[in-house]
C-alpha atoms as a PDB file:
ATOM      1  CA  MET A   1       0.000   0.000   0.000  1.00  0.00           C
ATOM      2  CA  THR A   2       3.051   2.269  -0.130  1.00  0.00           C
ATOM      3  CA  ALA A   3       1.843   3.581  -3.501  1.00  0.00           C
ATOM      4  CA  ALA A   4      -1.229   5.016  -1.791  1.00  0.00           C
ATOM      5  CA  PHE A   5       0.983   7.475   0.075  1.00  0.00           C
ATOM      6  CA  LEU A   6       3.098   8.649  -2.842  1.00  0.00           C
ATOM      7  CA  GLY A   7       2.443  12.338  -3.241  1.00  0.00           C
ATOM      8  CA  ALA A   8       0.387  12.539  -0.046  1.00  0.00           C
ATOM      9  CA  GLU A   9       1.075  15.864   1.621  1.00  0.00           C
ATOM     10  CA  HIS A  10       1.938  14.554   5.103  1.00  0.00           C
ATOM     11  CA  ALA A  11       3.076  11.000   4.330  1.00  0.00           C
ATOM     12  CA  SER A  12       6.323   9.891   5.921  1.00  0.00           C
ATOM     13  CA  GLY A  13       6.993   6.893   3.674  1.00  0.00           C
ATOM     14  CA  THR A  14       7.060   4.682   6.768  1.00  0.00           C
ATOM     15  CA  GLU A  15       3.373   3.755   6.865  1.00  0.00           C
ATOM     16  CA  GLY A  16       3.953   0.108   5.877  1.00  0.00           C
ATOM     17  CA  ALA A  17       6.711  -0.229   8.460  1.00  0.00           C
ATOM     18  CA  ILE A  18       4.419   1.246  11.107  1.00  0.00           C
ATOM     19  CA  VAL A  19       1.713  -1.336  10.408  1.00  0.00           C
ATOM     20  CA  ASP A  20       4.320  -4.123  10.509  1.00  0.00           C
ATOM     21  CA  ALA A  21       5.722  -2.834  13.820  1.00  0.00           C
ATOM     22  CA  LEU A  22       2.234  -2.579  15.342  1.00  0.00           C
ATOM     23  CA  ARG A  23       1.419  -6.117  14.179  1.00  0.00           C
ATOM     24  CA  ASP A  24       4.753  -7.530  15.388  1.00  0.00           C
ATOM     25  CA  SER A  25       4.289  -6.005  18.856  1.00  0.00           C
ATOM     26  CA  GLY A  26       0.670  -7.145  19.202  1.00  0.00           C
ATOM     27  CA  ALA A  27      -0.578  -3.539  19.201  1.00  0.00           C
ATOM     28  CA  LEU A  28      -2.601  -3.724  16.003  1.00  0.00           C
ATOM     29  CA  THR A  29      -6.009  -3.764  17.682  1.00  0.00           C
ATOM     30  CA  ILE A  30      -7.987  -3.632  14.430  1.00  0.00           C
ATOM     31  CA  SER A  31      -6.644  -4.205  10.933  1.00  0.00           C
ATOM     32  CA  LEU A  32      -9.147  -4.224   8.077  1.00  0.00           C
ATOM     33  CA  VAL A  33      -8.523  -4.705   4.375  1.00  0.00           C
ATOM     34  CA  ALA A  34     -10.539  -4.182   1.224  1.00  0.00           C
ATOM     35  CA  GLU A  35     -10.016  -6.573  -1.676  1.00  0.00           C
ATOM     36  CA  SER A  36     -10.752  -6.422  -5.371  1.00  0.00           C
ATOM     37  CA  ASP A  37     -10.179  -9.436  -7.601  1.00  0.00           C
ATOM     38  CA  GLY A  38      -8.109 -11.080  -4.867  1.00  0.00           C
ATOM     39  CA  ALA A  39      -5.782  -8.095  -4.393  1.00  0.00           C
ATOM     40  CA  ILE A  40      -5.683  -5.859  -1.347  1.00  0.00           C
ATOM     41  CA  VAL A  41      -6.730  -2.366  -2.414  1.00  0.00           C
ATOM     42  CA  GLY A  42      -7.269  -0.732   0.978  1.00  0.00           C
ATOM     43  CA  HIS A  43      -6.243  -1.016   4.602  1.00  0.00           C
ATOM     44  CA  VAL A  44      -6.987   0.743   7.873  1.00  0.00           C
ATOM     45  CA  ALA A  45      -5.384   0.214  11.270  1.00  0.00           C
ATOM     46  CA  PHE A  46      -6.396   1.109  14.820  1.00  0.00           C
ATOM     47  CA  SER A  47      -4.027   0.845  17.780  1.00  0.00           C
ATOM     48  CA  PRO A  48      -4.028   1.908  21.451  1.00  0.00           C
ATOM     49  CA  ILE A  49      -2.886   5.370  22.476  1.00  0.00           C
ATOM     50  CA  THR A  50      -2.135   6.891  25.860  1.00  0.00           C
ATOM     51  CA  ILE A  51      -3.235  10.260  27.177  1.00  0.00           C
ATOM     52  CA  ASP A  52      -0.787  11.810  29.639  1.00  0.00           C
ATOM     53  CA  GLY A  53       0.787   8.351  29.888  1.00  0.00           C
ATOM     54  CA  ALA A  54      -2.427   6.562  30.869  1.00  0.00           C
ATOM     55  CA  ASP A  55      -4.239   3.878  28.912  1.00  0.00           C
ATOM     56  CA  ILE A  56      -7.885   4.932  29.110  1.00  0.00           C
ATOM     57  CA  ASP A  57      -9.248   2.716  26.329  1.00  0.00           C
ATOM     58  CA  TRP A  58      -8.726   5.224  23.520  1.00  0.00           C
ATOM     59  CA  PHE A  59      -7.332   4.312  20.112  1.00  0.00           C
ATOM     60  CA  GLY A  60      -5.616   5.939  17.177  1.00  0.00           C
ATOM     61  CA  LEU A  61      -6.850   5.546  13.616  1.00  0.00           C
ATOM     62  CA  GLY A  62      -4.048   5.051  11.130  1.00  0.00           C
ATOM     63  CA  PRO A  63      -2.296   4.389   9.026  1.00  0.00           C
ATOM     64  CA  GLY A  64      -4.998   3.968   6.433  1.00  0.00           C
ATOM     65  CA  SER A  65      -4.545   3.674   2.708  1.00  0.00           C
ATOM     66  CA  VAL A  66      -6.284   2.943  -0.575  1.00  0.00           C
ATOM     67  CA  ALA A  67      -4.489   1.973  -3.775  1.00  0.00           C
ATOM     68  CA  PRO A  68      -4.361   4.917  -6.192  1.00  0.00           C
ATOM     69  CA  SER A  69      -6.357   2.962  -8.802  1.00  0.00           C
ATOM     70  CA  HIS A  70      -9.194   2.524  -6.289  1.00  0.00           C
ATOM     71  CA  GLN A  71      -9.295   5.944  -4.656  1.00  0.00           C
ATOM     72  CA  ARG A  72     -12.426   8.109  -4.800  1.00  0.00           C
ATOM     73  CA  GLN A  73     -14.669   5.030  -4.533  1.00  0.00           C
ATOM     74  CA  SER A  74     -15.488   5.338  -0.800  1.00  0.00           C
ATOM     75  CA  ILE A  75     -13.273   2.350   0.059  1.00  0.00           C
ATOM     76  CA  GLY A  76     -11.364   4.284   2.709  1.00  0.00           C
ATOM     77  CA  ALA A  77     -14.563   5.680   4.210  1.00  0.00           C
ATOM     78  CA  ARG A  78     -16.132   2.235   4.445  1.00  0.00           C
ATOM     79  CA  LEU A  79     -13.013   0.820   6.100  1.00  0.00           C
ATOM     80  CA  ILE A  80     -12.975   3.659   8.630  1.00  0.00           C
ATOM     81  CA  GLU A  81     -16.689   3.255   9.384  1.00  0.00           C
ATOM     82  CA  ALA A  82     -16.253  -0.489   9.881  1.00  0.00           C
ATOM     83  CA  GLY A  83     -13.250   0.041  12.150  1.00  0.00           C
ATOM     84  CA  LEU A  84     -15.061   2.637  14.257  1.00  0.00           C
ATOM     85  CA  ALA A  85     -18.039   0.277  14.562  1.00  0.00           C
ATOM     86  CA  ARG A  86     -15.721  -2.464  15.846  1.00  0.00           C
ATOM     87  CA  LEU A  87     -14.177  -0.085  18.369  1.00  0.00           C
ATOM     88  CA  ARG A  88     -17.670   0.744  19.656  1.00  0.00           C
ATOM     89  CA  GLU A  89     -18.494  -2.979  19.899  1.00  0.00           C
ATOM     90  CA  MET A  90     -15.318  -3.448  21.951  1.00  0.00           C
ATOM     91  CA  GLY A  91     -16.426  -0.720  24.340  1.00  0.00           C
ATOM     92  CA  ALA A  92     -13.720   1.763  23.368  1.00  0.00           C
ATOM     93  CA  GLN A  93     -14.022   5.195  24.935  1.00  0.00           C
ATOM     94  CA  GLY A  94     -12.849   7.076  21.854  1.00  0.00           C
ATOM     95  CA  CYS A  95     -10.505   7.493  18.930  1.00  0.00           C
ATOM     96  CA  VAL A  96      -8.053  10.089  17.638  1.00  0.00           C
ATOM     97  CA  VAL A  97      -6.778  10.762  14.143  1.00  0.00           C
ATOM     98  CA  LEU A  98      -4.151  12.971  12.581  1.00  0.00           C
ATOM     99  CA  GLY A  99      -5.437  14.097   9.196  1.00  0.00           C
ATOM    100  CA  ASP A 100      -7.510  16.431   7.078  1.00  0.00           C
ATOM    101  CA  PRO A 101     -10.289  17.953   9.223  1.00  0.00           C
ATOM    102  CA  ALA A 102     -12.611  18.290   6.220  1.00  0.00           C
ATOM    103  CA  TYR A 103     -12.333  14.548   5.523  1.00  0.00           C
ATOM    104  CA  TYR A 104     -12.566  13.196   9.078  1.00  0.00           C
ATOM    105  CA  ALA A 105     -15.444  15.475  10.156  1.00  0.00           C
ATOM    106  CA  ARG A 106     -17.826  13.169   8.243  1.00  0.00           C
ATOM    107  CA  PHE A 107     -17.091  10.457  10.829  1.00  0.00           C
ATOM    108  CA  GLY A 108     -17.657  12.789  13.775  1.00  0.00           C
ATOM    109  CA  PHE A 109     -14.043  13.754  14.503  1.00  0.00           C
ATOM    110  CA  VAL A 110     -13.451  17.267  15.835  1.00  0.00           C
ATOM    111  CA  SER A 111     -10.419  19.260  16.915  1.00  0.00           C
ATOM    112  CA  ASP A 112     -10.250  19.778  20.661  1.00  0.00           C
ATOM    113  CA  PRO A 113      -7.669  22.147  22.156  1.00  0.00           C
ATOM    114  CA  ALA A 114      -7.794  20.141  25.418  1.00  0.00           C
ATOM    115  CA  LEU A 115      -6.433  17.031  23.654  1.00  0.00           C
ATOM    116  CA  THR A 116      -3.099  17.600  21.976  1.00  0.00           C
ATOM    117  CA  TYR A 117      -0.449  15.867  19.921  1.00  0.00           C
ATOM    118  CA  PRO A 118       2.928  17.626  19.872  1.00  0.00           C
ATOM    119  CA  ASP A 119       4.417  19.310  16.833  1.00  0.00           C
ATOM    120  CA  VAL A 120       1.406  19.159  14.506  1.00  0.00           C
ATOM    121  CA  PRO A 121      -1.094  21.868  13.581  1.00  0.00           C
ATOM    122  CA  ALA A 122      -3.882  21.609  16.181  1.00  0.00           C
ATOM    123  CA  GLU A 123      -6.689  21.541  13.610  1.00  0.00           C
ATOM    124  CA  TYR A 124      -5.269  18.347  12.061  1.00  0.00           C
ATOM    125  CA  PHE A 125      -5.361  16.407  15.321  1.00  0.00           C
ATOM    126  CA  GLN A 126      -8.921  15.349  16.095  1.00  0.00           C
ATOM    127  CA  ARG A 127     -10.888  13.177  18.468  1.00  0.00           C
ATOM    128  CA  LEU A 128     -14.122  11.209  18.452  1.00  0.00           C
ATOM    129  CA  VAL A 129     -15.729  10.482  21.836  1.00  0.00           C
ATOM    130  CA  MET A 130     -17.567   7.156  21.782  1.00  0.00           C
ATOM    131  CA  THR A 131     -18.618   7.055  25.430  1.00  0.00           C
ATOM    132  CA  GLY A 132     -17.880   9.022  28.554  1.00  0.00           C
ATOM    133  CA  PRO A 133     -16.398  12.482  28.829  1.00  0.00           C
ATOM    134  CA  ALA A 134     -13.879  13.965  26.420  1.00  0.00           C
ATOM    135  CA  PRO A 135     -10.390  13.541  27.869  1.00  0.00           C
ATOM    136  CA  ALA A 136      -7.765  16.249  28.178  1.00  0.00           C
ATOM    137  CA  GLY A 137      -4.025  15.856  27.887  1.00  0.00           C
ATOM    138  CA  THR A 138      -1.225  14.933  25.544  1.00  0.00           C
ATOM    139  CA  VAL A 139      -1.630  11.912  23.286  1.00  0.00           C
ATOM    140  CA  ALA A 140       1.147   9.419  22.558  1.00  0.00           C
ATOM    141  CA  TYR A 141       0.887   6.758  19.877  1.00  0.00           C
ATOM    142  CA  HIS A 142       2.404   3.295  20.255  1.00  0.00           C
ATOM    143  CA  GLN A 143       6.185   3.092  19.781  1.00  0.00           C
ATOM    144  CA  GLY A 144       5.502   1.294  16.475  1.00  0.00           C
ATOM    145  CA  PHE A 145       4.849   4.717  14.972  1.00  0.00           C
ATOM    146  CA  SER A 146       8.592   5.346  15.246  1.00  0.00           C
ATOM    147  CA  ALA A 147       9.321   2.548  12.751  1.00  0.00           C
ATOM    148  CA  ALA A 148      11.464   3.400   9.757  1.00  0.00           C
ATOM    149  CA  SER A 149      10.912   2.063   6.278  1.00  0.00           C
END
């Protein structure tokens, strides 16, 4: 799925390595794929996050990708919706995402100045409360997000 990130404005080129590191460490809570003619054309991952160092049953969405030849067909949206539904079934408290606010608003994500992720524009870091109150603090993703390609 590396091709899905070519030319993406904020892609690091390490997205595949991140998914592998999350899987290898057992931190890939949800991993969904979309197939077409036996080939994987989309993927979305969800993994645990901490807020101020505490695990409070919140998760991070990402990386997610759709093959360039299959983009603009709602594949990514359907994967995200299915992943969020599974998180709700699991009793997750909420989810965060780092991405385009105009895109993720359709799923209910909003920017919240009380919940931060260092060194990124605040409007691109968003949260979705599934149950309970909205948390406050600094978010940290799993160490697998430090993986290099």
